[in-house]
Amino acid sequence: MFITMKRTDIPNGTMIIRDLWPNPSQYNPVIDPLPQGPFYLSNVSNGSVTVVVNGEVRTLKKASTGLTAYLLATMNGASNGDVAFNSLTQAEATAIATAIITRMQNGLALQDTDIETLAQAVQADVDLAESTISVANILAILSGAVFTLPAGHQIQQAGAGTGVFTPLAVNQQARYFVGDVHQRLLTSDLAVSSAEGALSVMLSDAFTYKGIEAQAVVIYKDDGTLYDPLA
């Protein structure tokens, strides 16, 4: 499960979920599952990126953090023939990241087909079968997990006349995250909090922060479908 903050007017660390059991202060390692809180919710991380183009080769000019950087490293761009693809351009990755974030803020599902549709509206040749994106990793970033690529990271190598996309392997992606990527939540306790606890307040359209009423969070399952506490 992933809890994302859909509102942009609430600073990181302001939203806290305290009613998931066991709290670390109550944790008994002999009989209890891993602690589930308190959770301090964070906004999506999405810093700017600068792609350096040197002939057919594309690299990152500086260390880059967030969803745009993740898409540059894992999602293919334009086809350069039957056998290879270019990387996304800086503008394409930025536009796709913005579309994904907007869909989350609208409280809509983000399954692989939804992500591919958003991406193809920007770059028609995007094909998740040719990419190495992980829906769970995208949801983690939307939940505030920090993904950072180092300066000089290569997203396209020379070849095929216009360059060839060099995706980040699935089994290498975890090393670029800082901290705990996946929120450990037991469905039973999440259901209670969502139905009548702290999360029920945050999920309500009547949730108020600094005088503004609007739902504060969206909860996703690992596959990008929306979590329904009443299902």
C-alpha atoms as a PDB file:
ATOM      1  CA  MET A   1       0.000   0.000   0.000  1.00  0.00           C
ATOM      2  CA  PHE A   2       1.095   3.576  -0.676  1.00  0.00           C
ATOM      3  CA  ILE A   3      -0.354   6.719   0.878  1.00  0.00           C
ATOM      4  CA  THR A   4       0.172   9.764  -1.324  1.00  0.00           C
ATOM      5  CA  MET A   5      -0.513  13.406  -0.520  1.00  0.00           C
ATOM      6  CA  LYS A   6      -2.786  14.881  -3.185  1.00  0.00           C
ATOM      7  CA  ARG A   7      -2.764  18.426  -1.809  1.00  0.00           C
ATOM      8  CA  THR A   8       0.236  20.668  -2.441  1.00  0.00           C
ATOM      9  CA  ASP A   9      -0.469  23.196   0.310  1.00  0.00           C
ATOM     10  CA  ILE A  10       0.482  20.887   3.197  1.00  0.00           C
ATOM     11  CA  PRO A  11       4.224  20.759   4.064  1.00  0.00           C
ATOM     12  CA  ASN A  12       6.126  17.496   4.503  1.00  0.00           C
ATOM     13  CA  GLY A  13       5.863  16.036   7.981  1.00  0.00           C
ATOM     14  CA  THR A  14       2.657  17.900   8.848  1.00  0.00           C
ATOM     15  CA  MET A  15       0.413  14.882   8.242  1.00  0.00           C
ATOM     16  CA  ILE A  16       0.986  12.117  10.784  1.00  0.00           C
ATOM     17  CA  ILE A  17      -0.756   8.741  11.079  1.00  0.00           C
ATOM     18  CA  ARG A  18      -0.511   7.509  14.659  1.00  0.00           C
ATOM     19  CA  ASP A  19      -3.207   4.848  14.896  1.00  0.00           C
ATOM     20  CA  LEU A  20      -1.617   1.943  13.016  1.00  0.00           C
ATOM     21  CA  TRP A  21      -0.731  -0.935  15.330  1.00  0.00           C
ATOM     22  CA  PRO A  22       1.824  -1.629  16.629  1.00  0.00           C
ATOM     23  CA  ASN A  23       3.352   1.751  17.268  1.00  0.00           C
ATOM     24  CA  PRO A  24       7.157   1.444  17.797  1.00  0.00           C
ATOM     25  CA  SER A  25       6.714   2.446  21.436  1.00  0.00           C
ATOM     26  CA  GLN A  26       4.359  -0.536  21.896  1.00  0.00           C
ATOM     27  CA  TYR A  27       6.344  -2.997  19.789  1.00  0.00           C
ATOM     28  CA  ASN A  28       7.150  -6.431  21.227  1.00  0.00           C
ATOM     29  CA  PRO A  29       9.554  -8.172  18.792  1.00  0.00           C
ATOM     30  CA  VAL A  30       8.627 -11.590  20.172  1.00  0.00           C
ATOM     31  CA  ILE A  31       4.910 -11.508  19.392  1.00  0.00           C
ATOM     32  CA  ASP A  32       4.193  -8.448  17.234  1.00  0.00           C
ATOM     33  CA  PRO A  33       4.587  -7.771  13.491  1.00  0.00           C
ATOM     34  CA  LEU A  34       6.912  -4.974  12.393  1.00  0.00           C
ATOM     35  CA  PRO A  35       5.912  -1.522  13.682  1.00  0.00           C
ATOM     36  CA  GLN A  36       3.648   0.481  11.378  1.00  0.00           C
ATOM     37  CA  GLY A  37       4.127   4.011  12.485  1.00  0.00           C
ATOM     38  CA  PRO A  38       3.807   6.726  13.259  1.00  0.00           C
ATOM     39  CA  PHE A  39       3.895   7.673   9.551  1.00  0.00           C
ATOM     40  CA  TYR A  40       4.939  11.177   8.573  1.00  0.00           C
ATOM     41  CA  LEU A  41       3.524  11.777   5.103  1.00  0.00           C
ATOM     42  CA  SER A  42       5.531  13.549   2.419  1.00  0.00           C
ATOM     43  CA  ASN A  43       4.792  15.220  -0.886  1.00  0.00           C
ATOM     44  CA  VAL A  44       5.954  13.774  -4.179  1.00  0.00           C
ATOM     45  CA  SER A  45       9.613  14.394  -4.974  1.00  0.00           C
ATOM     46  CA  ASN A  46      10.202  15.838  -8.450  1.00  0.00           C
ATOM     47  CA  GLY A  47      13.206  18.095  -8.957  1.00  0.00           C
ATOM     48  CA  SER A  48      14.303  19.618 -12.242  1.00  0.00           C
ATOM     49  CA  VAL A  49      16.728  17.787 -14.538  1.00  0.00           C
ATOM     50  CA  THR A  50      19.196  18.870 -17.203  1.00  0.00           C
ATOM     51  CA  VAL A  51      20.115  16.411 -19.956  1.00  0.00           C
ATOM     52  CA  VAL A  52      23.438  16.919 -21.714  1.00  0.00           C
ATOM     53  CA  VAL A  53      23.421  15.861 -25.375  1.00  0.00           C
ATOM     54  CA  ASN A  54      26.843  14.957 -26.788  1.00  0.00           C
ATOM     55  CA  GLY A  55      26.283  13.558 -30.262  1.00  0.00           C
ATOM     56  CA  GLU A  56      24.206  10.416 -29.748  1.00  0.00           C
ATOM     57  CA  VAL A  57      25.020  10.159 -26.035  1.00  0.00           C
ATOM     58  CA  ARG A  58      22.744  11.661 -23.376  1.00  0.00           C
ATOM     59  CA  THR A  59      23.737  12.061 -19.713  1.00  0.00           C
ATOM     60  CA  LEU A  60      22.534  14.012 -16.690  1.00  0.00           C
ATOM     61  CA  LYS A  61      24.381  17.261 -16.039  1.00  0.00           C
ATOM     62  CA  LYS A  62      23.842  17.181 -12.273  1.00  0.00           C
ATOM     63  CA  ALA A  63      22.512  14.896  -9.567  1.00  0.00           C
ATOM     64  CA  SER A  64      18.765  14.673 -10.165  1.00  0.00           C
ATOM     65  CA  THR A  65      16.034  13.684  -7.721  1.00  0.00           C
ATOM     66  CA  GLY A  66      12.424  12.730  -8.295  1.00  0.00           C
ATOM     67  CA  LEU A  67       9.931  11.290 -10.737  1.00  0.00           C
ATOM     68  CA  THR A  68      11.278  12.987 -13.873  1.00  0.00           C
ATOM     69  CA  ALA A  69      14.735  11.542 -13.204  1.00  0.00           C
ATOM     70  CA  TYR A  70      13.201   8.101 -12.601  1.00  0.00           C
ATOM     71  CA  LEU A  71      11.343   8.194 -15.932  1.00  0.00           C
ATOM     72  CA  LEU A  72      14.458   9.281 -17.830  1.00  0.00           C
ATOM     73  CA  ALA A  73      16.275   6.263 -16.424  1.00  0.00           C
ATOM     74  CA  THR A  74      13.530   3.677 -16.967  1.00  0.00           C
ATOM     75  CA  MET A  75      11.089   4.685 -19.732  1.00  0.00           C
ATOM     76  CA  ASN A  76      11.894   4.448 -23.451  1.00  0.00           C
ATOM     77  CA  GLY A  77      11.462   7.333 -25.858  1.00  0.00           C
ATOM     78  CA  ALA A  78      11.089   7.552 -29.626  1.00  0.00           C
ATOM     79  CA  SER A  79      11.722   4.540 -31.850  1.00  0.00           C
ATOM     80  CA  ASN A  80      14.851   4.803 -33.963  1.00  0.00           C
ATOM     81  CA  GLY A  81      14.060   1.724 -36.023  1.00  0.00           C
ATOM     82  CA  ASP A  82      12.802  -1.811 -35.532  1.00  0.00           C
ATOM     83  CA  VAL A  83      15.426  -2.817 -32.991  1.00  0.00           C
ATOM     84  CA  ALA A  84      16.038   0.120 -30.662  1.00  0.00           C
ATOM     85  CA  PHE A  85      14.659   3.228 -28.988  1.00  0.00           C
ATOM     86  CA  ASN A  86      16.023   6.597 -27.952  1.00  0.00           C
ATOM     87  CA  SER A  87      15.711   7.788 -24.380  1.00  0.00           C
ATOM     88  CA  LEU A  88      12.998  10.263 -23.491  1.00  0.00           C
ATOM     89  CA  THR A  89      14.004  13.866 -23.961  1.00  0.00           C
ATOM     90  CA  GLN A  90      14.197  16.173 -20.973  1.00  0.00           C
ATOM     91  CA  ALA A  91      10.950  17.871 -22.036  1.00  0.00           C
ATOM     92  CA  GLU A  92       9.132  14.562 -22.584  1.00  0.00           C
ATOM     93  CA  ALA A  93      10.109  13.125 -19.205  1.00  0.00           C
ATOM     94  CA  THR A  94       9.082  16.343 -17.462  1.00  0.00           C
ATOM     95  CA  ALA A  95       5.700  16.374 -19.205  1.00  0.00           C
ATOM     96  CA  ILE A  96       5.004  12.698 -18.418  1.00  0.00           C
ATOM     97  CA  ALA A  97       5.991  13.137 -14.767  1.00  0.00           C
ATOM     98  CA  THR A  98       3.672  16.133 -14.513  1.00  0.00           C
ATOM     99  CA  ALA A  99       0.806  14.111 -16.037  1.00  0.00           C
ATOM    100  CA  ILE A 100       1.343  11.244 -13.577  1.00  0.00           C
ATOM    101  CA  ILE A 101       1.442  13.608 -10.604  1.00  0.00           C
ATOM    102  CA  THR A 102      -1.703  15.389 -11.800  1.00  0.00           C
ATOM    103  CA  ARG A 103      -3.539  12.080 -12.140  1.00  0.00           C
ATOM    104  CA  MET A 104      -2.560  11.174  -8.569  1.00  0.00           C
ATOM    105  CA  GLN A 105      -3.716  14.567  -7.306  1.00  0.00           C
ATOM    106  CA  ASN A 106      -7.053  13.918  -9.014  1.00  0.00           C
ATOM    107  CA  GLY A 107      -7.362  10.668  -7.069  1.00  0.00           C
ATOM    108  CA  LEU A 108      -7.299   8.362 -10.115  1.00  0.00           C
ATOM    109  CA  ALA A 109      -5.811   4.895 -10.586  1.00  0.00           C
ATOM    110  CA  LEU A 110      -2.219   4.556 -11.777  1.00  0.00           C
ATOM    111  CA  GLN A 111      -1.915   1.043 -13.149  1.00  0.00           C
ATOM    112  CA  ASP A 112       0.666   0.276 -15.823  1.00  0.00           C
ATOM    113  CA  THR A 113      -1.919   0.829 -18.583  1.00  0.00           C
ATOM    114  CA  ASP A 114      -2.821   4.244 -17.145  1.00  0.00           C
ATOM    115  CA  ILE A 115       0.840   5.249 -16.993  1.00  0.00           C
ATOM    116  CA  GLU A 116       1.467   4.057 -20.544  1.00  0.00           C
ATOM    117  CA  THR A 117      -1.535   6.010 -21.828  1.00  0.00           C
ATOM    118  CA  LEU A 118      -0.307   9.196 -20.137  1.00  0.00           C
ATOM    119  CA  ALA A 119       3.181   8.652 -21.546  1.00  0.00           C
ATOM    120  CA  GLN A 120       1.986   7.945 -25.094  1.00  0.00           C
ATOM    121  CA  ALA A 121       0.057  11.213 -25.104  1.00  0.00           C
ATOM    122  CA  VAL A 122       3.494  12.871 -24.891  1.00  0.00           C
ATOM    123  CA  GLN A 123       5.663  10.372 -26.827  1.00  0.00           C
ATOM    124  CA  ALA A 124       3.675   7.926 -28.959  1.00  0.00           C
ATOM    125  CA  ASP A 125       6.461   5.314 -29.066  1.00  0.00           C
ATOM    126  CA  VAL A 126       6.567   4.690 -25.308  1.00  0.00           C
ATOM    127  CA  ASP A 127       6.151   0.960 -24.715  1.00  0.00           C
ATOM    128  CA  LEU A 128       6.339  -0.362 -21.179  1.00  0.00           C
ATOM    129  CA  ALA A 129       7.494  -3.694 -22.582  1.00  0.00           C
ATOM    130  CA  GLU A 130      10.627  -1.849 -23.705  1.00  0.00           C
ATOM    131  CA  SER A 131      10.976   0.015 -20.412  1.00  0.00           C
ATOM    132  CA  THR A 132      12.041  -0.979 -16.917  1.00  0.00           C
ATOM    133  CA  ILE A 133       9.633   1.127 -14.882  1.00  0.00           C
ATOM    134  CA  SER A 134       8.096  -0.342 -11.753  1.00  0.00           C
ATOM    135  CA  VAL A 135       4.602   0.847 -10.852  1.00  0.00           C
ATOM    136  CA  ALA A 136       5.462   0.271  -7.201  1.00  0.00           C
ATOM    137  CA  ASN A 137       8.574   2.451  -7.504  1.00  0.00           C
ATOM    138  CA  ILE A 138       6.549   5.226  -9.157  1.00  0.00           C
ATOM    139  CA  LEU A 139       4.006   5.018  -6.326  1.00  0.00           C
ATOM    140  CA  ALA A 140       6.860   5.117  -3.819  1.00  0.00           C
ATOM    141  CA  ILE A 141       8.144   8.359  -5.348  1.00  0.00           C
ATOM    142  CA  LEU A 142       4.616   9.778  -5.350  1.00  0.00           C
ATOM    143  CA  SER A 143       4.510   8.884  -1.641  1.00  0.00           C
ATOM    144  CA  GLY A 144       7.642  10.906  -0.962  1.00  0.00           C
ATOM    145  CA  ALA A 145      10.417   8.315  -1.378  1.00  0.00           C
ATOM    146  CA  VAL A 146      13.637   9.948  -2.582  1.00  0.00           C
ATOM    147  CA  PHE A 147      15.109   8.616  -5.853  1.00  0.00           C
ATOM    148  CA  THR A 148      18.346  10.262  -7.000  1.00  0.00           C
ATOM    149  CA  LEU A 149      20.562   9.678 -10.024  1.00  0.00           C
ATOM    150  CA  PRO A 150      24.177  10.928  -9.874  1.00  0.00           C
ATOM    151  CA  ALA A 151      25.628  13.569 -12.133  1.00  0.00           C
ATOM    152  CA  GLY A 152      26.832  12.005 -15.370  1.00  0.00           C
ATOM    153  CA  HIS A 153      24.343   9.119 -15.301  1.00  0.00           C
ATOM    154  CA  GLN A 154      23.947   7.906 -18.891  1.00  0.00           C
ATOM    155  CA  ILE A 155      20.447   7.431 -20.291  1.00  0.00           C
ATOM    156  CA  GLN A 156      21.432   6.957 -23.943  1.00  0.00           C
ATOM    157  CA  GLN A 157      24.492   5.501 -25.623  1.00  0.00           C
ATOM    158  CA  ALA A 158      25.735   5.796 -29.197  1.00  0.00           C
ATOM    159  CA  GLY A 159      24.284   3.431 -31.772  1.00  0.00           C
ATOM    160  CA  ALA A 160      21.542   2.862 -34.364  1.00  0.00           C
ATOM    161  CA  GLY A 161      22.313   6.196 -35.977  1.00  0.00           C
ATOM    162  CA  THR A 162      20.555   8.387 -33.398  1.00  0.00           C
ATOM    163  CA  GLY A 163      21.498   6.707 -30.131  1.00  0.00           C
ATOM    164  CA  VAL A 164      20.120   3.840 -28.036  1.00  0.00           C
ATOM    165  CA  PHE A 165      18.241   4.090 -24.733  1.00  0.00           C
ATOM    166  CA  THR A 166      20.152   2.526 -21.815  1.00  0.00           C
ATOM    167  CA  PRO A 167      17.512   1.727 -19.169  1.00  0.00           C
ATOM    168  CA  LEU A 168      18.291   1.216 -15.529  1.00  0.00           C
ATOM    169  CA  ALA A 169      17.833  -2.483 -14.754  1.00  0.00           C
ATOM    170  CA  VAL A 170      14.968  -3.382 -12.437  1.00  0.00           C
ATOM    171  CA  ASN A 171      17.311  -5.060  -9.958  1.00  0.00           C
ATOM    172  CA  GLN A 172      19.513  -1.947  -9.810  1.00  0.00           C
ATOM    173  CA  GLN A 173      16.821   0.619  -9.039  1.00  0.00           C
ATOM    174  CA  ALA A 174      16.640   0.111  -5.270  1.00  0.00           C
ATOM    175  CA  ARG A 175      20.205   1.387  -4.803  1.00  0.00           C
ATOM    176  CA  TYR A 176      19.158   4.856  -5.991  1.00  0.00           C
ATOM    177  CA  PHE A 177      16.469   5.224  -3.315  1.00  0.00           C
ATOM    178  CA  VAL A 178      17.169   6.661   0.130  1.00  0.00           C
ATOM    179  CA  GLY A 179      15.474   5.119   3.147  1.00  0.00           C
ATOM    180  CA  ASP A 180      12.523   2.734   3.260  1.00  0.00           C
ATOM    181  CA  VAL A 181      10.886   2.763  -0.176  1.00  0.00           C
ATOM    182  CA  HIS A 182       7.792   0.660   0.470  1.00  0.00           C
ATOM    183  CA  GLN A 183       5.411   1.547   3.278  1.00  0.00           C
ATOM    184  CA  ARG A 184       4.764  -1.537   5.422  1.00  0.00           C
ATOM    185  CA  LEU A 185       1.050  -1.472   6.147  1.00  0.00           C
ATOM    186  CA  LEU A 186      -1.166  -4.339   7.298  1.00  0.00           C
ATOM    187  CA  THR A 187      -4.430  -4.193   5.387  1.00  0.00           C
ATOM    188  CA  SER A 188      -6.522  -4.923   8.473  1.00  0.00           C
ATOM    189  CA  ASP A 189      -5.146  -1.957  10.434  1.00  0.00           C
ATOM    190  CA  LEU A 190      -5.180   0.302   7.381  1.00  0.00           C
ATOM    191  CA  ALA A 191      -8.876  -0.523   6.968  1.00  0.00           C
ATOM    192  CA  VAL A 192      -9.645   0.542  10.536  1.00  0.00           C
ATOM    193  CA  SER A 193      -7.747   3.818  10.221  1.00  0.00           C
ATOM    194  CA  SER A 194      -9.349   4.503   6.828  1.00  0.00           C
ATOM    195  CA  ALA A 195     -12.852   3.732   8.073  1.00  0.00           C
ATOM    196  CA  GLU A 196     -12.872   5.477  11.444  1.00  0.00           C
ATOM    197  CA  GLY A 197      -9.381   6.659  12.389  1.00  0.00           C
ATOM    198  CA  ALA A 198      -6.777   9.201  11.299  1.00  0.00           C
ATOM    199  CA  LEU A 199      -6.887   8.246   7.632  1.00  0.00           C
ATOM    200  CA  SER A 200     -10.676   8.544   7.493  1.00  0.00           C
ATOM    201  CA  VAL A 201     -10.276  12.239   8.339  1.00  0.00           C
ATOM    202  CA  MET A 202      -7.554  12.738   5.704  1.00  0.00           C
ATOM    203  CA  LEU A 203      -9.637  10.926   3.067  1.00  0.00           C
ATOM    204  CA  SER A 204     -12.678  13.119   3.703  1.00  0.00           C
ATOM    205  CA  ASP A 205     -13.550  16.026   1.411  1.00  0.00           C
ATOM    206  CA  ALA A 206     -14.185  17.932   4.640  1.00  0.00           C
ATOM    207  CA  PHE A 207     -10.553  17.644   5.797  1.00  0.00           C
ATOM    208  CA  THR A 208      -9.467  21.182   6.723  1.00  0.00           C
ATOM    209  CA  TYR A 209      -5.979  22.658   6.663  1.00  0.00           C
ATOM    210  CA  LYS A 210      -5.552  26.403   7.179  1.00  0.00           C
ATOM    211  CA  GLY A 211      -9.200  26.976   6.401  1.00  0.00           C
ATOM    212  CA  ILE A 212      -9.276  25.028   3.140  1.00  0.00           C
ATOM    213  CA  GLU A 213     -11.484  21.928   2.917  1.00  0.00           C
ATOM    214  CA  ALA A 214     -10.364  19.141   0.569  1.00  0.00           C
ATOM    215  CA  GLN A 215      -9.284  15.511   0.651  1.00  0.00           C
ATOM    216  CA  ALA A 216      -5.635  15.273   1.657  1.00  0.00           C
ATOM    217  CA  VAL A 217      -4.489  11.783   0.658  1.00  0.00           C
ATOM    218  CA  VAL A 218      -4.979   8.986  -1.857  1.00  0.00           C
ATOM    219  CA  ILE A 219      -4.239   5.350  -1.011  1.00  0.00           C
ATOM    220  CA  TYR A 220      -2.943   2.987  -3.696  1.00  0.00           C
ATOM    221  CA  LYS A 221      -2.422  -0.738  -3.805  1.00  0.00           C
ATOM    222  CA  ASP A 222       0.929  -1.930  -5.155  1.00  0.00           C
ATOM    223  CA  ASP A 223      -0.497  -2.385  -8.671  1.00  0.00           C
ATOM    224  CA  GLY A 224      -1.727   1.203  -8.895  1.00  0.00           C
ATOM    225  CA  THR A 225      -5.389   0.502  -8.220  1.00  0.00           C
ATOM    226  CA  LEU A 226      -7.147   2.626  -5.627  1.00  0.00           C
ATOM    227  CA  TYR A 227      -7.601   1.225  -2.139  1.00  0.00           C
ATOM    228  CA  ASP A 228     -11.222   1.189  -0.999  1.00  0.00           C
ATOM    229  CA  PRO A 229     -11.547   0.782   2.788  1.00  0.00           C
ATOM    230  CA  LEU A 230     -15.182  -0.214   2.374  1.00  0.00           C
ATOM    231  CA  ALA A 231     -14.547  -2.971  -0.196  1.00  0.00           C
END
